[in-house]
């Protein structure tokens, strides 16, 4: 089974809640097209900052390998390993680019995207918006300390 994260876009000017057609379901796992055609995959998915970072890192790695004086086979092997890394982390790169404005509203396990969409939206009530995203543990407010310490939840007078 495949794991999908569900991302809700910010509502537009005339919307209270973004329509379900605009939600993004990002698959976790290996992305073949990101491995094979990394920069084109990044352009297709509008990952501009990721593309610029990838180009800068690849240029720096290739320049360092050239300065060391390694053979062409080693340069090819390093480029191949970076392509494998991009293929493995493509879903994470896409989630990273969505995190600035979109909110993560759920996680769905399904064999394909269509069934993941169906499962997510069936769990939704028809008249309620999606559940609010859960803040990370570092952003949560601490629980208030209870007034009573011990086995009994409320203080009682002794008789």
N, C-alpha and C. Protein backbone atom coordinates (compact mmCIF):
# COMPACT_ATOMS: atom_id res chain seq x y z
N UNK A 1 0.84 -1.17 0.00
CA UNK A 1 0.00 0.00 0.00
C UNK A 1 0.89 1.25 0.00
N UNK A 2 0.40 2.26 -0.62
CA UNK A 2 1.13 3.51 -0.75
C UNK A 2 0.57 4.54 0.22
N UNK A 3 1.44 5.38 0.75
CA UNK A 3 1.05 6.44 1.68
C UNK A 3 1.01 7.76 0.93
N UNK A 4 -0.08 8.49 1.10
CA UNK A 4 -0.25 9.81 0.51
C UNK A 4 -0.45 10.83 1.62
N UNK A 5 0.19 11.98 1.48
CA UNK A 5 -0.13 13.09 2.37
C UNK A 5 -1.06 14.03 1.63
N UNK A 6 -2.02 14.60 2.36
CA UNK A 6 -3.04 15.46 1.76
C UNK A 6 -2.74 16.89 2.16
N UNK A 7 -2.67 17.79 1.17
CA UNK A 7 -2.35 19.19 1.41
C UNK A 7 -3.48 20.07 0.90
N UNK A 8 -3.92 21.00 1.76
CA UNK A 8 -5.00 21.91 1.41
C UNK A 8 -4.41 23.27 1.05
N UNK A 9 -4.78 23.81 -0.11
CA UNK A 9 -4.27 25.13 -0.49
C UNK A 9 -4.97 26.23 0.29
N UNK A 10 -4.37 27.41 0.36
CA UNK A 10 -5.08 28.52 1.00
C UNK A 10 -6.27 28.93 0.15
N UNK A 11 -7.37 29.36 0.77
CA UNK A 11 -8.54 29.77 -0.02
C UNK A 11 -8.24 31.03 -0.82
N UNK A 12 -8.91 31.14 -1.96
CA UNK A 12 -8.77 32.34 -2.78
C UNK A 12 -9.63 33.45 -2.21
N UNK A 13 -9.62 34.62 -2.84
CA UNK A 13 -10.31 35.79 -2.30
C UNK A 13 -11.80 35.55 -2.08
N UNK A 14 -12.48 34.89 -2.99
CA UNK A 14 -13.92 34.72 -2.89
C UNK A 14 -14.32 33.38 -2.28
N UNK A 15 -13.40 32.67 -1.64
CA UNK A 15 -13.68 31.36 -1.06
C UNK A 15 -13.48 31.37 0.45
N UNK A 16 -14.33 30.60 1.14
CA UNK A 16 -14.12 30.40 2.58
C UNK A 16 -13.14 29.26 2.80
N UNK A 17 -13.35 28.18 2.04
CA UNK A 17 -12.49 27.00 2.11
C UNK A 17 -12.14 26.62 0.68
N UNK A 18 -10.92 26.17 0.46
CA UNK A 18 -10.50 25.76 -0.88
C UNK A 18 -11.34 24.57 -1.35
N UNK A 19 -11.73 24.54 -2.61
CA UNK A 19 -12.53 23.42 -3.11
C UNK A 19 -11.68 22.14 -3.16
N UNK A 20 -12.34 20.99 -3.07
CA UNK A 20 -11.60 19.72 -3.06
C UNK A 20 -10.78 19.47 -4.33
N UNK A 21 -11.14 20.07 -5.45
CA UNK A 21 -10.39 19.86 -6.68
C UNK A 21 -8.96 20.40 -6.60
N UNK A 22 -8.74 21.34 -5.71
CA UNK A 22 -7.41 21.96 -5.60
C UNK A 22 -6.51 21.27 -4.59
N UNK A 23 -7.01 20.29 -3.85
CA UNK A 23 -6.18 19.59 -2.87
C UNK A 23 -5.08 18.83 -3.58
N UNK A 24 -3.94 18.69 -2.93
CA UNK A 24 -2.81 17.95 -3.50
C UNK A 24 -2.58 16.69 -2.69
N UNK A 25 -2.49 15.57 -3.39
CA UNK A 25 -2.17 14.29 -2.78
C UNK A 25 -0.75 13.93 -3.23
N UNK A 26 0.18 13.91 -2.29
CA UNK A 26 1.58 13.66 -2.59
C UNK A 26 1.94 12.24 -2.16
N UNK A 27 2.35 11.45 -3.12
CA UNK A 27 2.70 10.05 -2.86
C UNK A 27 4.09 9.97 -2.25
N UNK A 28 4.22 9.10 -1.27
CA UNK A 28 5.52 8.85 -0.68
C UNK A 28 6.11 7.63 -1.37
N UNK A 29 7.39 7.67 -1.65
CA UNK A 29 8.05 6.54 -2.31
C UNK A 29 8.91 7.00 -3.47
N UNK A 30 9.37 6.04 -4.25
CA UNK A 30 10.26 6.33 -5.36
C UNK A 30 9.47 6.86 -6.55
N UNK A 31 9.93 7.97 -7.14
CA UNK A 31 9.31 8.57 -8.32
C UNK A 31 10.25 8.34 -9.50
N UNK A 32 9.83 7.48 -10.42
CA UNK A 32 10.69 7.10 -11.54
C UNK A 32 11.04 8.30 -12.42
N UNK A 33 10.05 9.14 -12.73
CA UNK A 33 10.33 10.26 -13.63
C UNK A 33 11.23 11.30 -12.97
N UNK A 34 11.16 11.44 -11.66
CA UNK A 34 12.09 12.34 -10.97
C UNK A 34 13.52 11.79 -11.04
N UNK A 35 13.64 10.47 -11.01
CA UNK A 35 14.96 9.85 -11.14
C UNK A 35 15.50 10.00 -12.56
N UNK A 36 14.65 9.71 -13.55
CA UNK A 36 15.11 9.70 -14.93
C UNK A 36 15.33 11.10 -15.49
N UNK A 37 14.39 12.01 -15.25
CA UNK A 37 14.44 13.37 -15.79
C UNK A 37 14.24 14.37 -14.66
N UNK A 38 15.17 14.39 -13.72
CA UNK A 38 15.03 15.20 -12.52
C UNK A 38 14.69 16.67 -12.74
N UNK A 39 15.50 17.42 -13.48
CA UNK A 39 15.19 18.84 -13.68
C UNK A 39 13.86 19.08 -14.40
N UNK A 40 13.53 18.24 -15.38
CA UNK A 40 12.25 18.41 -16.07
C UNK A 40 11.08 18.08 -15.14
N UNK A 41 11.24 17.06 -14.30
CA UNK A 41 10.21 16.71 -13.32
C UNK A 41 10.00 17.87 -12.35
N UNK A 42 11.09 18.50 -11.94
CA UNK A 42 10.98 19.64 -11.03
C UNK A 42 10.27 20.81 -11.70
N UNK A 43 10.57 21.08 -12.96
CA UNK A 43 9.87 22.14 -13.69
C UNK A 43 8.38 21.81 -13.84
N UNK A 44 8.07 20.55 -14.17
CA UNK A 44 6.68 20.13 -14.37
C UNK A 44 5.87 20.32 -13.09
N UNK A 45 6.50 20.04 -11.93
CA UNK A 45 5.82 20.17 -10.64
C UNK A 45 6.01 21.54 -10.00
N UNK A 46 6.59 22.46 -10.73
CA UNK A 46 6.79 23.85 -10.30
C UNK A 46 7.59 23.96 -9.00
N UNK A 47 8.66 23.22 -8.94
CA UNK A 47 9.55 23.23 -7.78
C UNK A 47 10.77 24.09 -8.11
N UNK A 48 10.56 25.40 -8.20
CA UNK A 48 11.61 26.31 -8.67
C UNK A 48 12.80 26.35 -7.73
N UNK A 49 12.56 26.51 -6.44
CA UNK A 49 13.68 26.58 -5.49
C UNK A 49 14.43 25.26 -5.40
N UNK A 50 13.70 24.17 -5.46
CA UNK A 50 14.34 22.85 -5.45
C UNK A 50 15.22 22.69 -6.68
N UNK A 51 14.73 23.13 -7.84
CA UNK A 51 15.51 23.04 -9.07
C UNK A 51 16.79 23.88 -8.97
N UNK A 52 16.67 25.10 -8.48
CA UNK A 52 17.86 25.94 -8.33
C UNK A 52 18.86 25.32 -7.36
N UNK A 53 18.37 24.80 -6.25
CA UNK A 53 19.25 24.15 -5.28
C UNK A 53 19.92 22.92 -5.86
N UNK A 54 19.17 22.13 -6.62
CA UNK A 54 19.73 20.92 -7.23
C UNK A 54 20.82 21.28 -8.25
N UNK A 55 20.56 22.29 -9.05
CA UNK A 55 21.57 22.72 -10.03
C UNK A 55 22.82 23.22 -9.33
N UNK A 56 22.64 24.00 -8.26
CA UNK A 56 23.80 24.52 -7.53
C UNK A 56 24.61 23.40 -6.89
N UNK A 57 23.93 22.43 -6.28
CA UNK A 57 24.63 21.31 -5.63
C UNK A 57 25.35 20.46 -6.67
N UNK A 58 24.67 20.16 -7.77
CA UNK A 58 25.32 19.35 -8.81
C UNK A 58 26.52 20.07 -9.41
N UNK A 59 26.41 21.38 -9.63
CA UNK A 59 27.55 22.14 -10.16
C UNK A 59 28.72 22.11 -9.17
N UNK A 60 28.41 22.27 -7.89
CA UNK A 60 29.48 22.26 -6.88
C UNK A 60 30.14 20.88 -6.80
N UNK A 61 29.33 19.82 -6.85
CA UNK A 61 29.90 18.47 -6.79
C UNK A 61 30.75 18.19 -8.01
N UNK A 62 30.25 18.54 -9.19
CA UNK A 62 31.02 18.29 -10.41
C UNK A 62 32.30 19.12 -10.45
N UNK A 63 32.24 20.36 -9.96
CA UNK A 63 33.45 21.19 -9.91
C UNK A 63 34.47 20.60 -8.93
N UNK A 64 34.00 20.10 -7.79
CA UNK A 64 34.91 19.48 -6.83
C UNK A 64 35.53 18.21 -7.41
N UNK A 65 34.73 17.42 -8.10
CA UNK A 65 35.28 16.20 -8.72
C UNK A 65 36.28 16.55 -9.83
N UNK A 66 36.00 17.60 -10.58
CA UNK A 66 36.94 18.04 -11.62
C UNK A 66 38.24 18.52 -10.99
N UNK A 67 38.13 19.28 -9.88
CA UNK A 67 39.33 19.80 -9.21
C UNK A 67 40.18 18.67 -8.64
N UNK A 68 39.54 17.62 -8.18
CA UNK A 68 40.28 16.47 -7.65
C UNK A 68 40.94 15.70 -8.78
N UNK A 69 40.30 15.73 -9.95
CA UNK A 69 40.87 15.05 -11.11
C UNK A 69 40.41 13.60 -11.24
N UNK A 70 39.19 13.32 -10.87
CA UNK A 70 38.69 11.95 -10.98
C UNK A 70 38.28 11.65 -12.42
N UNK A 71 38.09 10.39 -12.71
CA UNK A 71 37.76 9.97 -14.07
C UNK A 71 36.30 10.27 -14.39
N UNK A 72 35.96 10.15 -15.66
CA UNK A 72 34.59 10.38 -16.11
C UNK A 72 33.62 9.35 -15.55
N UNK A 73 34.10 8.12 -15.32
CA UNK A 73 33.23 7.07 -14.77
C UNK A 73 32.80 7.43 -13.34
N UNK A 74 33.71 7.99 -12.58
CA UNK A 74 33.37 8.38 -11.20
C UNK A 74 32.37 9.54 -11.22
N UNK A 75 32.58 10.49 -12.12
CA UNK A 75 31.63 11.61 -12.24
C UNK A 75 30.24 11.11 -12.61
N UNK A 76 30.19 10.14 -13.55
CA UNK A 76 28.91 9.57 -13.95
C UNK A 76 28.26 8.83 -12.78
N UNK A 77 29.05 8.08 -12.02
CA UNK A 77 28.52 7.33 -10.87
C UNK A 77 27.95 8.28 -9.82
N UNK A 78 28.62 9.38 -9.57
CA UNK A 78 28.13 10.36 -8.59
C UNK A 78 26.84 10.99 -9.10
N UNK A 79 26.79 11.35 -10.37
CA UNK A 79 25.56 11.93 -10.94
C UNK A 79 24.42 10.92 -10.89
N UNK A 80 24.71 9.64 -11.13
CA UNK A 80 23.69 8.60 -11.05
C UNK A 80 23.16 8.47 -9.62
N UNK A 81 24.06 8.50 -8.64
CA UNK A 81 23.63 8.38 -7.24
C UNK A 81 22.80 9.59 -6.80
N UNK A 82 23.14 10.77 -7.30
CA UNK A 82 22.33 11.95 -6.99
C UNK A 82 20.95 11.81 -7.64
N UNK A 83 20.89 11.26 -8.84
CA UNK A 83 19.59 11.04 -9.50
C UNK A 83 18.75 10.03 -8.72
N UNK A 84 19.37 8.99 -8.20
CA UNK A 84 18.65 8.02 -7.37
C UNK A 84 18.13 8.71 -6.11
N UNK A 85 18.95 9.55 -5.50
CA UNK A 85 18.52 10.29 -4.31
C UNK A 85 17.34 11.19 -4.62
N UNK A 86 17.37 11.89 -5.75
CA UNK A 86 16.25 12.74 -6.15
C UNK A 86 14.99 11.90 -6.37
N UNK A 87 15.13 10.74 -6.99
CA UNK A 87 13.98 9.86 -7.19
C UNK A 87 13.40 9.36 -5.89
N UNK A 88 14.25 9.05 -4.94
CA UNK A 88 13.78 8.55 -3.63
C UNK A 88 13.13 9.67 -2.80
N UNK A 89 13.63 10.87 -2.91
CA UNK A 89 13.16 11.97 -2.07
C UNK A 89 12.25 12.94 -2.81
N UNK A 90 11.74 12.57 -3.97
CA UNK A 90 10.90 13.48 -4.76
C UNK A 90 9.64 13.90 -4.01
N UNK A 91 8.99 12.96 -3.35
CA UNK A 91 7.79 13.30 -2.57
C UNK A 91 8.11 14.26 -1.45
N UNK A 92 9.23 14.06 -0.78
CA UNK A 92 9.64 14.95 0.30
C UNK A 92 9.96 16.34 -0.24
N UNK A 93 10.59 16.42 -1.40
CA UNK A 93 10.89 17.72 -2.00
C UNK A 93 9.61 18.46 -2.36
N UNK A 94 8.62 17.72 -2.86
CA UNK A 94 7.35 18.36 -3.20
C UNK A 94 6.62 18.83 -1.94
N UNK A 95 6.61 18.01 -0.89
CA UNK A 95 5.98 18.43 0.38
C UNK A 95 6.69 19.64 0.95
N UNK A 96 8.03 19.69 0.82
CA UNK A 96 8.78 20.83 1.35
C UNK A 96 8.37 22.12 0.63
N UNK A 97 8.15 22.02 -0.67
CA UNK A 97 7.77 23.23 -1.41
C UNK A 97 6.32 23.64 -1.11
N UNK A 98 5.47 22.70 -0.75
CA UNK A 98 4.08 23.03 -0.42
C UNK A 98 3.91 23.58 0.99
N UNK A 99 4.84 23.30 1.88
CA UNK A 99 4.67 23.61 3.31
C UNK A 99 4.58 25.10 3.61
N UNK A 100 5.05 25.96 2.74
CA UNK A 100 5.05 27.39 3.04
C UNK A 100 3.65 27.98 3.09
N UNK A 101 2.79 27.60 2.16
CA UNK A 101 1.45 28.21 2.11
C UNK A 101 0.34 27.18 2.29
N UNK A 102 0.57 25.95 1.95
CA UNK A 102 -0.45 24.91 2.03
C UNK A 102 -0.38 24.26 3.41
N UNK A 103 -1.49 23.75 3.88
CA UNK A 103 -1.50 23.08 5.17
C UNK A 103 -1.71 21.58 4.97
N UNK A 104 -0.98 20.81 5.74
CA UNK A 104 -1.09 19.35 5.69
C UNK A 104 -2.31 18.96 6.52
N UNK A 105 -3.32 18.36 5.88
CA UNK A 105 -4.57 18.07 6.58
C UNK A 105 -4.82 16.58 6.75
N UNK A 106 -3.96 15.74 6.26
CA UNK A 106 -4.23 14.33 6.46
C UNK A 106 -3.21 13.41 5.84
N UNK A 107 -3.41 12.15 6.14
CA UNK A 107 -2.56 11.08 5.66
C UNK A 107 -3.49 9.95 5.25
N UNK A 108 -3.29 9.39 4.07
CA UNK A 108 -4.16 8.34 3.55
C UNK A 108 -3.28 7.20 3.04
N UNK A 109 -3.69 5.97 3.33
CA UNK A 109 -3.01 4.80 2.82
C UNK A 109 -3.95 4.13 1.81
N UNK A 110 -3.49 4.01 0.58
CA UNK A 110 -4.31 3.42 -0.48
C UNK A 110 -3.39 2.90 -1.59
N UNK A 111 -3.88 1.98 -2.42
CA UNK A 111 -3.03 1.47 -3.50
C UNK A 111 -2.78 2.45 -4.64
N UNK A 112 -3.69 3.42 -4.85
CA UNK A 112 -3.49 4.41 -5.91
C UNK A 112 -4.09 5.75 -5.50
N UNK A 113 -3.83 6.76 -6.30
CA UNK A 113 -4.25 8.12 -5.96
C UNK A 113 -5.78 8.27 -5.96
N UNK A 114 -6.46 7.65 -6.90
CA UNK A 114 -7.91 7.77 -6.98
C UNK A 114 -8.58 7.21 -5.73
N UNK A 115 -8.12 6.05 -5.28
CA UNK A 115 -8.70 5.47 -4.07
C UNK A 115 -8.32 6.29 -2.84
N UNK A 116 -7.13 6.87 -2.84
CA UNK A 116 -6.73 7.73 -1.72
C UNK A 116 -7.64 8.95 -1.64
N UNK A 117 -7.94 9.55 -2.80
CA UNK A 117 -8.86 10.70 -2.80
C UNK A 117 -10.23 10.29 -2.30
N UNK A 118 -10.73 9.15 -2.76
CA UNK A 118 -12.05 8.68 -2.34
C UNK A 118 -12.07 8.44 -0.82
N UNK A 119 -11.04 7.76 -0.29
CA UNK A 119 -11.01 7.48 1.15
C UNK A 119 -10.95 8.77 1.97
N UNK A 120 -10.14 9.71 1.52
CA UNK A 120 -10.01 10.95 2.28
C UNK A 120 -11.32 11.73 2.30
N UNK A 121 -11.94 11.91 1.14
CA UNK A 121 -13.14 12.72 1.07
C UNK A 121 -14.36 12.01 1.64
N UNK A 122 -14.37 10.68 1.67
CA UNK A 122 -15.47 9.96 2.34
C UNK A 122 -15.39 10.13 3.85
N UNK A 123 -14.18 10.27 4.37
CA UNK A 123 -14.04 10.45 5.81
C UNK A 123 -14.45 11.86 6.25
N UNK A 124 -14.56 12.73 5.30
CA UNK A 124 -14.99 14.10 5.53
C UNK A 124 -16.50 14.14 5.64
N UNK A 125 -17.04 14.94 6.50
CA UNK A 125 -18.49 15.12 6.47
C UNK A 125 -18.80 16.12 5.37
N UNK A 126 -19.95 16.01 4.76
CA UNK A 126 -20.27 16.82 3.58
C UNK A 126 -20.36 18.30 3.90
N UNK A 127 -20.72 18.66 5.12
CA UNK A 127 -20.92 20.07 5.41
C UNK A 127 -19.79 20.68 6.25
N UNK A 128 -18.82 19.88 6.64
CA UNK A 128 -17.75 20.40 7.50
C UNK A 128 -16.46 20.56 6.70
N UNK A 129 -15.67 21.57 7.03
CA UNK A 129 -14.37 21.71 6.38
C UNK A 129 -13.43 20.62 6.87
N UNK A 130 -12.29 20.44 6.22
CA UNK A 130 -11.36 19.41 6.66
C UNK A 130 -10.84 19.73 8.05
N UNK A 131 -10.37 18.71 8.76
CA UNK A 131 -9.86 18.96 10.10
C UNK A 131 -8.67 19.91 10.06
N UNK A 132 -8.55 20.71 11.10
CA UNK A 132 -7.44 21.66 11.18
C UNK A 132 -6.14 20.88 11.31
N UNK A 133 -5.07 21.38 10.71
CA UNK A 133 -3.79 20.68 10.82
C UNK A 133 -3.30 20.67 12.26
N UNK A 134 -2.66 19.60 12.65
CA UNK A 134 -2.13 19.47 14.00
C UNK A 134 -0.76 20.14 14.02
N UNK A 135 -0.55 21.08 14.95
CA UNK A 135 0.77 21.72 15.00
C UNK A 135 1.82 20.72 15.46
N UNK A 136 3.07 20.93 15.04
CA UNK A 136 4.13 20.04 15.50
C UNK A 136 4.31 20.16 17.01
N UNK A 137 4.89 19.14 17.64
CA UNK A 137 5.03 19.16 19.10
C UNK A 137 5.76 20.39 19.64
N UNK A 138 6.68 20.94 18.85
CA UNK A 138 7.41 22.12 19.33
C UNK A 138 6.53 23.36 19.38
N UNK A 139 5.40 23.37 18.66
CA UNK A 139 4.52 24.53 18.60
C UNK A 139 3.31 24.41 19.53
N UNK A 140 3.08 23.25 20.13
CA UNK A 140 1.91 23.04 20.97
C UNK A 140 2.08 23.72 22.32
N UNK A 141 0.97 24.15 22.86
CA UNK A 141 0.97 24.73 24.20
C UNK A 141 1.07 23.60 25.21
N UNK A 142 1.81 23.80 26.30
CA UNK A 142 1.89 22.73 27.31
C UNK A 142 0.55 22.54 28.01
N UNK A 143 0.29 21.31 28.42
CA UNK A 143 -0.93 21.01 29.14
C UNK A 143 -0.87 21.67 30.52
N UNK A 144 -2.01 22.23 30.99
CA UNK A 144 -1.98 22.81 32.33
C UNK A 144 -1.84 21.71 33.39
N UNK A 145 -1.13 22.01 34.42
CA UNK A 145 -0.93 21.04 35.50
C UNK A 145 -2.24 20.86 36.27
N UNK A 146 -2.58 19.65 36.65
CA UNK A 146 -3.81 19.44 37.41
C UNK A 146 -3.67 20.00 38.82
N UNK A 147 -4.81 20.36 39.39
CA UNK A 147 -4.81 20.92 40.74
C UNK A 147 -4.54 19.86 41.80
N UNK A 148 -4.87 18.63 41.50
CA UNK A 148 -4.71 17.56 42.47
C UNK A 148 -3.71 16.56 41.93
N UNK A 149 -2.80 16.16 42.75
CA UNK A 149 -1.83 15.15 42.37
C UNK A 149 -2.19 13.89 43.15
N UNK A 150 -2.28 12.79 42.46
CA UNK A 150 -2.62 11.54 43.14
C UNK A 150 -3.63 10.75 42.35
N UNK A 151 -4.40 9.91 43.09
CA UNK A 151 -5.31 8.99 42.44
C UNK A 151 -6.67 9.58 42.13
N UNK A 152 -7.07 10.67 42.81
CA UNK A 152 -8.41 11.20 42.65
C UNK A 152 -8.39 12.47 41.79
N UNK A 153 -9.30 12.58 40.78
CA UNK A 153 -9.24 13.72 39.87
C UNK A 153 -9.72 15.02 40.48
N UNK A 154 -10.57 15.00 41.49
CA UNK A 154 -11.09 16.23 42.09
C UNK A 154 -10.91 16.18 43.60
N UNK A 155 -10.60 17.32 44.22
CA UNK A 155 -10.45 17.31 45.68
C UNK A 155 -11.81 17.09 46.35
N UNK A 156 -11.80 16.35 47.42
CA UNK A 156 -13.02 16.12 48.18
C UNK A 156 -12.71 16.37 49.65
N UNK A 157 -13.71 16.88 50.36
CA UNK A 157 -13.53 17.15 51.79
C UNK A 157 -13.53 15.84 52.55
N UNK A 158 -12.71 15.78 53.60
CA UNK A 158 -12.69 14.61 54.44
C UNK A 158 -13.91 14.59 55.33
N UNK A 159 -14.39 13.44 55.63
CA UNK A 159 -15.57 13.35 56.49
C UNK A 159 -15.27 12.75 57.81
